[in-house]
């Protein structure tokens, strides 16, 4: 059953957060859980893999009822990218399919933002973001001819959190709440297929 892998991940992460809510442990042990989830690309339901012709899609896969974390699939068509934005919570990004480029930006003395290093994630790799270290970046599909998909895990319900996009030249900030592209979420507890 496809959803079994996601359910296993959700349960394991909830247990980890209950025992070790600090970011250092989340980024070491939680990373291993996410790496196990994205190791084989055979579990994400097709309805959460659909690109949009104009902009990337953010599909909610699971939201913890206590808002401790959320799991989201990001689907990028060729050439699609985010604006410069922040998260305000910790995050882990696991590459499931294709490849993505992430460029970290840092505020300059003139108020604007400048890109530092960029990195390309390929399937199986996990990157992190955090307000404590590097929370502002631009992410884009690094492939010009195919869709890329990554699984994001955030320390809150990312679709409900007020965040900001930034003008890289002036540093001007515009607040937003992203929401989600889907109207349904995966049924992680569906056992109907196991019934006689």
C-alpha atoms as a PDB file:
ATOM      1  CA  UNK A   1       0.000   0.000   0.000  1.00  0.00           C
ATOM      2  CA  UNK A   2       1.506   3.331  -1.111  1.00  0.00           C
ATOM      3  CA  UNK A   3       0.316   5.309   1.903  1.00  0.00           C
ATOM      4  CA  UNK A   4       2.038   2.902   4.331  1.00  0.00           C
ATOM      5  CA  UNK A   5       5.434   4.544   3.734  1.00  0.00           C
ATOM      6  CA  UNK A   6       4.078   8.014   4.428  1.00  0.00           C
ATOM      7  CA  UNK A   7       2.204   6.795   7.513  1.00  0.00           C
ATOM      8  CA  UNK A   8       5.387   5.149   8.838  1.00  0.00           C
ATOM      9  CA  UNK A   9       7.269   8.415   8.323  1.00  0.00           C
ATOM     10  CA  UNK A  10       4.556  10.517  10.006  1.00  0.00           C
ATOM     11  CA  UNK A  11       4.398   8.194  13.035  1.00  0.00           C
ATOM     12  CA  UNK A  12       8.191   8.054  13.378  1.00  0.00           C
ATOM     13  CA  UNK A  13       8.571  11.824  13.129  1.00  0.00           C
ATOM     14  CA  UNK A  14       5.783  12.416  15.672  1.00  0.00           C
ATOM     15  CA  UNK A  15       7.539  10.082  18.123  1.00  0.00           C
ATOM     16  CA  UNK A  16      10.871  11.854  17.491  1.00  0.00           C
ATOM     17  CA  UNK A  17       9.368  15.307  18.062  1.00  0.00           C
ATOM     18  CA  UNK A  18       7.701  14.148  21.265  1.00  0.00           C
ATOM     19  CA  UNK A  19      11.018  12.915  22.653  1.00  0.00           C
ATOM     20  CA  UNK A  20      13.443  15.426  21.099  1.00  0.00           C
ATOM     21  CA  UNK A  21      11.835  18.696  19.998  1.00  0.00           C
ATOM     22  CA  UNK A  22      15.168  20.472  19.476  1.00  0.00           C
ATOM     23  CA  UNK A  23      16.329  21.349  15.988  1.00  0.00           C
ATOM     24  CA  UNK A  24      19.725  19.671  16.167  1.00  0.00           C
ATOM     25  CA  UNK A  25      18.164  16.262  16.823  1.00  0.00           C
ATOM     26  CA  UNK A  26      15.430  16.855  14.245  1.00  0.00           C
ATOM     27  CA  UNK A  27      18.049  17.627  11.590  1.00  0.00           C
ATOM     28  CA  UNK A  28      20.087  14.515  12.389  1.00  0.00           C
ATOM     29  CA  UNK A  29      17.498  11.852  13.218  1.00  0.00           C
ATOM     30  CA  UNK A  30      14.642  13.434  11.261  1.00  0.00           C
ATOM     31  CA  UNK A  31      16.866  13.667   8.193  1.00  0.00           C
ATOM     32  CA  UNK A  32      17.411   9.904   8.325  1.00  0.00           C
ATOM     33  CA  UNK A  33      13.639   9.348   8.466  1.00  0.00           C
ATOM     34  CA  UNK A  34      13.114  11.596   5.445  1.00  0.00           C
ATOM     35  CA  UNK A  35      15.960   9.901   3.559  1.00  0.00           C
ATOM     36  CA  UNK A  36      14.224   6.552   4.134  1.00  0.00           C
ATOM     37  CA  UNK A  37      10.923   7.981   2.834  1.00  0.00           C
ATOM     38  CA  UNK A  38      12.428   9.314  -0.412  1.00  0.00           C
ATOM     39  CA  UNK A  39      14.819   6.420  -0.979  1.00  0.00           C
ATOM     40  CA  UNK A  40      12.418   4.696  -3.403  1.00  0.00           C
ATOM     41  CA  UNK A  41      10.046   6.765  -5.536  1.00  0.00           C
ATOM     42  CA  UNK A  42       7.021   4.446  -5.462  1.00  0.00           C
ATOM     43  CA  UNK A  43       4.653   5.843  -2.829  1.00  0.00           C
ATOM     44  CA  UNK A  44       3.471   9.363  -3.718  1.00  0.00           C
ATOM     45  CA  UNK A  45      -0.101   9.245  -5.108  1.00  0.00           C
ATOM     46  CA  UNK A  46      -0.418  10.642  -8.625  1.00  0.00           C
ATOM     47  CA  UNK A  47      -2.810  13.430  -7.610  1.00  0.00           C
ATOM     48  CA  UNK A  48       0.021  15.010  -5.582  1.00  0.00           C
ATOM     49  CA  UNK A  49       2.496  14.883  -8.502  1.00  0.00           C
ATOM     50  CA  UNK A  50       0.647  17.129 -10.969  1.00  0.00           C
ATOM     51  CA  UNK A  51       2.500  20.206 -12.229  1.00  0.00           C
ATOM     52  CA  UNK A  52       0.747  23.437 -13.174  1.00  0.00           C
ATOM     53  CA  UNK A  53       1.704  25.034 -16.503  1.00  0.00           C
ATOM     54  CA  UNK A  54       2.523  28.404 -14.922  1.00  0.00           C
ATOM     55  CA  UNK A  55       3.703  27.942 -11.325  1.00  0.00           C
ATOM     56  CA  UNK A  56       4.866  25.344  -8.849  1.00  0.00           C
ATOM     57  CA  UNK A  57       2.327  23.436  -6.771  1.00  0.00           C
ATOM     58  CA  UNK A  58       2.345  22.848  -3.018  1.00  0.00           C
ATOM     59  CA  UNK A  59       0.292  19.782  -2.018  1.00  0.00           C
ATOM     60  CA  UNK A  60      -0.396  19.009   1.638  1.00  0.00           C
ATOM     61  CA  UNK A  61       0.287  15.343   2.430  1.00  0.00           C
ATOM     62  CA  UNK A  62      -0.112  15.520   6.213  1.00  0.00           C
ATOM     63  CA  UNK A  63      -0.611  18.196   8.886  1.00  0.00           C
ATOM     64  CA  UNK A  64      -0.012  17.281  12.509  1.00  0.00           C
ATOM     65  CA  UNK A  65      -3.130  18.144  14.555  1.00  0.00           C
ATOM     66  CA  UNK A  66      -0.945  19.954  17.105  1.00  0.00           C
ATOM     67  CA  UNK A  67       0.770  21.979  14.331  1.00  0.00           C
ATOM     68  CA  UNK A  68       4.165  20.509  15.232  1.00  0.00           C
ATOM     69  CA  UNK A  69       4.918  19.632  11.597  1.00  0.00           C
ATOM     70  CA  UNK A  70       3.540  19.287   8.098  1.00  0.00           C
ATOM     71  CA  UNK A  71       4.550  17.177   5.106  1.00  0.00           C
ATOM     72  CA  UNK A  72       4.158  18.679   1.642  1.00  0.00           C
ATOM     73  CA  UNK A  73       4.992  17.667  -1.922  1.00  0.00           C
ATOM     74  CA  UNK A  74       6.332  20.485  -4.077  1.00  0.00           C
ATOM     75  CA  UNK A  75       5.873  19.917  -7.801  1.00  0.00           C
ATOM     76  CA  UNK A  76       7.883  22.035 -10.222  1.00  0.00           C
ATOM     77  CA  UNK A  77       7.330  22.257 -13.963  1.00  0.00           C
ATOM     78  CA  UNK A  78      10.327  23.066 -16.179  1.00  0.00           C
ATOM     79  CA  UNK A  79      11.729  26.518 -15.409  1.00  0.00           C
ATOM     80  CA  UNK A  80       9.494  27.182 -12.404  1.00  0.00           C
ATOM     81  CA  UNK A  81      10.894  28.843  -9.295  1.00  0.00           C
ATOM     82  CA  UNK A  82       9.909  30.556  -6.078  1.00  0.00           C
ATOM     83  CA  UNK A  83      10.368  34.211  -5.300  1.00  0.00           C
ATOM     84  CA  UNK A  84      12.889  35.050  -2.586  1.00  0.00           C
ATOM     85  CA  UNK A  85      11.109  33.911   0.590  1.00  0.00           C
ATOM     86  CA  UNK A  86      11.459  32.760   4.188  1.00  0.00           C
ATOM     87  CA  UNK A  87       9.863  30.004   6.286  1.00  0.00           C
ATOM     88  CA  UNK A  88      10.029  31.156   9.961  1.00  0.00           C
ATOM     89  CA  UNK A  89      10.230  27.486  11.082  1.00  0.00           C
ATOM     90  CA  UNK A  90      12.724  24.666  10.588  1.00  0.00           C
ATOM     91  CA  UNK A  91      12.417  22.655   7.414  1.00  0.00           C
ATOM     92  CA  UNK A  92      13.822  19.619   5.643  1.00  0.00           C
ATOM     93  CA  UNK A  93      13.613  19.196   1.874  1.00  0.00           C
ATOM     94  CA  UNK A  94      14.020  15.720   0.391  1.00  0.00           C
ATOM     95  CA  UNK A  95      14.440  15.335  -3.352  1.00  0.00           C
ATOM     96  CA  UNK A  96      12.138  12.616  -4.673  1.00  0.00           C
ATOM     97  CA  UNK A  97      12.229  13.115  -8.442  1.00  0.00           C
ATOM     98  CA  UNK A  98      14.200  15.298 -10.871  1.00  0.00           C
ATOM     99  CA  UNK A  99      16.500  17.925  -9.381  1.00  0.00           C
ATOM    100  CA  UNK A 100      16.201  21.351  -7.801  1.00  0.00           C
ATOM    101  CA  UNK A 101      18.550  24.252  -7.212  1.00  0.00           C
ATOM    102  CA  UNK A 102      18.402  26.169  -3.937  1.00  0.00           C
ATOM    103  CA  UNK A 103      20.179  29.509  -3.513  1.00  0.00           C
ATOM    104  CA  UNK A 104      20.568  30.977  -0.030  1.00  0.00           C
ATOM    105  CA  UNK A 105      20.368  34.759   0.324  1.00  0.00           C
ATOM    106  CA  UNK A 106      21.657  36.976   3.113  1.00  0.00           C
ATOM    107  CA  UNK A 107      20.741  40.565   4.041  1.00  0.00           C
ATOM    108  CA  UNK A 108      23.352  43.152   3.083  1.00  0.00           C
ATOM    109  CA  UNK A 109      24.212  46.427   4.795  1.00  0.00           C
ATOM    110  CA  UNK A 110      22.180  48.356   2.183  1.00  0.00           C
ATOM    111  CA  UNK A 111      19.036  46.395   3.132  1.00  0.00           C
ATOM    112  CA  UNK A 112      18.947  44.229   0.019  1.00  0.00           C
ATOM    113  CA  UNK A 113      19.744  40.519  -0.259  1.00  0.00           C
ATOM    114  CA  UNK A 114      22.623  38.804  -1.985  1.00  0.00           C
ATOM    115  CA  UNK A 115      22.896  35.162  -3.020  1.00  0.00           C
ATOM    116  CA  UNK A 116      25.569  33.091  -1.376  1.00  0.00           C
ATOM    117  CA  UNK A 117      26.191  29.528  -2.482  1.00  0.00           C
ATOM    118  CA  UNK A 118      23.636  27.518  -4.411  1.00  0.00           C
ATOM    119  CA  UNK A 119      23.334  23.761  -4.378  1.00  0.00           C
ATOM    120  CA  UNK A 120      21.601  21.211  -6.571  1.00  0.00           C
ATOM    121  CA  UNK A 121      19.680  18.383  -4.904  1.00  0.00           C
ATOM    122  CA  UNK A 122      19.267  15.077  -6.701  1.00  0.00           C
ATOM    123  CA  UNK A 123      16.939  12.213  -5.700  1.00  0.00           C
ATOM    124  CA  UNK A 124      17.701  10.854  -2.242  1.00  0.00           C
ATOM    125  CA  UNK A 125      19.342  14.031  -0.924  1.00  0.00           C
ATOM    126  CA  UNK A 126      17.981  16.117   1.954  1.00  0.00           C
ATOM    127  CA  UNK A 127      18.640  19.825   2.569  1.00  0.00           C
ATOM    128  CA  UNK A 128      17.584  21.953   5.549  1.00  0.00           C
ATOM    129  CA  UNK A 129      16.393  25.488   6.263  1.00  0.00           C
ATOM    130  CA  UNK A 130      16.161  27.252   9.604  1.00  0.00           C
ATOM    131  CA  UNK A 131      15.580  30.761  10.958  1.00  0.00           C
ATOM    132  CA  UNK A 132      18.613  30.055  13.161  1.00  0.00           C
ATOM    133  CA  UNK A 133      21.005  29.645  10.225  1.00  0.00           C
ATOM    134  CA  UNK A 134      19.697  30.183   6.661  1.00  0.00           C
ATOM    135  CA  UNK A 135      15.996  30.767   6.224  1.00  0.00           C
ATOM    136  CA  UNK A 136      15.802  32.927   3.095  1.00  0.00           C
ATOM    137  CA  UNK A 137      16.243  31.375  -0.327  1.00  0.00           C
ATOM    138  CA  UNK A 138      15.055  30.861  -3.890  1.00  0.00           C
ATOM    139  CA  UNK A 139      14.278  27.347  -5.120  1.00  0.00           C
ATOM    140  CA  UNK A 140      13.881  26.347  -8.757  1.00  0.00           C
ATOM    141  CA  UNK A 141      13.525  23.318 -10.959  1.00  0.00           C
ATOM    142  CA  UNK A 142      17.054  22.696 -12.228  1.00  0.00           C
ATOM    143  CA  UNK A 143      15.755  20.746 -15.247  1.00  0.00           C
ATOM    144  CA  UNK A 144      14.492  22.500 -18.371  1.00  0.00           C
ATOM    145  CA  UNK A 145      12.640  19.514 -19.809  1.00  0.00           C
ATOM    146  CA  UNK A 146      10.930  17.659 -16.973  1.00  0.00           C
ATOM    147  CA  UNK A 147       9.038  17.944 -13.696  1.00  0.00           C
ATOM    148  CA  UNK A 148      10.865  17.819 -10.368  1.00  0.00           C
ATOM    149  CA  UNK A 149       9.255  16.820  -7.059  1.00  0.00           C
ATOM    150  CA  UNK A 150      10.514  17.301  -3.521  1.00  0.00           C
ATOM    151  CA  UNK A 151       9.036  16.327  -0.163  1.00  0.00           C
ATOM    152  CA  UNK A 152       9.170  19.146   2.386  1.00  0.00           C
ATOM    153  CA  UNK A 153       8.769  18.724   6.130  1.00  0.00           C
ATOM    154  CA  UNK A 154       8.291  21.868   8.226  1.00  0.00           C
ATOM    155  CA  UNK A 155       8.120  22.599  11.955  1.00  0.00           C
ATOM    156  CA  UNK A 156       4.546  23.860  11.678  1.00  0.00           C
ATOM    157  CA  UNK A 157       1.649  23.831   9.228  1.00  0.00           C
ATOM    158  CA  UNK A 158       3.491  25.729   6.496  1.00  0.00           C
ATOM    159  CA  UNK A 159       0.344  26.478   4.489  1.00  0.00           C
ATOM    160  CA  UNK A 160      -1.129  28.395   7.460  1.00  0.00           C
ATOM    161  CA  UNK A 161       1.985  30.268   8.605  1.00  0.00           C
ATOM    162  CA  UNK A 162       2.386  33.952   7.723  1.00  0.00           C
ATOM    163  CA  UNK A 163       5.701  34.333   5.942  1.00  0.00           C
ATOM    164  CA  UNK A 164       7.329  36.860   3.616  1.00  0.00           C
ATOM    165  CA  UNK A 165       8.693  37.300   0.120  1.00  0.00           C
ATOM    166  CA  UNK A 166      11.461  39.840  -0.387  1.00  0.00           C
ATOM    167  CA  UNK A 167      12.660  42.147  -3.118  1.00  0.00           C
ATOM    168  CA  UNK A 168      16.340  41.189  -3.421  1.00  0.00           C
ATOM    169  CA  UNK A 169      17.380  44.720  -4.438  1.00  0.00           C
ATOM    170  CA  UNK A 170      15.522  46.851  -1.882  1.00  0.00           C
ATOM    171  CA  UNK A 171      14.829  44.239   0.802  1.00  0.00           C
ATOM    172  CA  UNK A 172      11.148  45.222   0.781  1.00  0.00           C
ATOM    173  CA  UNK A 173       9.027  42.563   2.442  1.00  0.00           C
ATOM    174  CA  UNK A 174       5.536  41.389   1.478  1.00  0.00           C
ATOM    175  CA  UNK A 175       3.641  39.070   3.832  1.00  0.00           C
ATOM    176  CA  UNK A 176       1.754  36.036   2.540  1.00  0.00           C
ATOM    177  CA  UNK A 177       0.142  32.754   3.593  1.00  0.00           C
ATOM    178  CA  UNK A 178       0.746  30.092   0.953  1.00  0.00           C
ATOM    179  CA  UNK A 179      -2.119  27.652   1.484  1.00  0.00           C
ATOM    180  CA  UNK A 180      -2.162  24.448  -0.558  1.00  0.00           C
ATOM    181  CA  UNK A 181      -3.087  23.454  -4.118  1.00  0.00           C
ATOM    182  CA  UNK A 182      -5.030  20.310  -3.175  1.00  0.00           C
ATOM    183  CA  UNK A 183      -8.563  19.980  -1.837  1.00  0.00           C
ATOM    184  CA  UNK A 184      -8.016  16.478  -0.356  1.00  0.00           C
ATOM    185  CA  UNK A 185      -5.129  14.807   1.471  1.00  0.00           C
ATOM    186  CA  UNK A 186      -3.933  11.195   1.293  1.00  0.00           C
ATOM    187  CA  UNK A 187      -5.956   8.734   3.360  1.00  0.00           C
ATOM    188  CA  UNK A 188      -3.141   7.235   5.415  1.00  0.00           C
ATOM    189  CA  UNK A 189      -5.484   4.961   7.327  1.00  0.00           C
ATOM    190  CA  UNK A 190      -7.334   3.425   4.369  1.00  0.00           C
ATOM    191  CA  UNK A 191      -7.461  -0.329   4.895  1.00  0.00           C
ATOM    192  CA  UNK A 192     -10.306  -0.971   2.442  1.00  0.00           C
ATOM    193  CA  UNK A 193      -7.910  -2.584  -0.035  1.00  0.00           C
ATOM    194  CA  UNK A 194      -7.004  -5.179   2.614  1.00  0.00           C
ATOM    195  CA  UNK A 195     -10.589  -6.273   3.200  1.00  0.00           C
ATOM    196  CA  UNK A 196     -12.008  -9.432   1.683  1.00  0.00           C
END
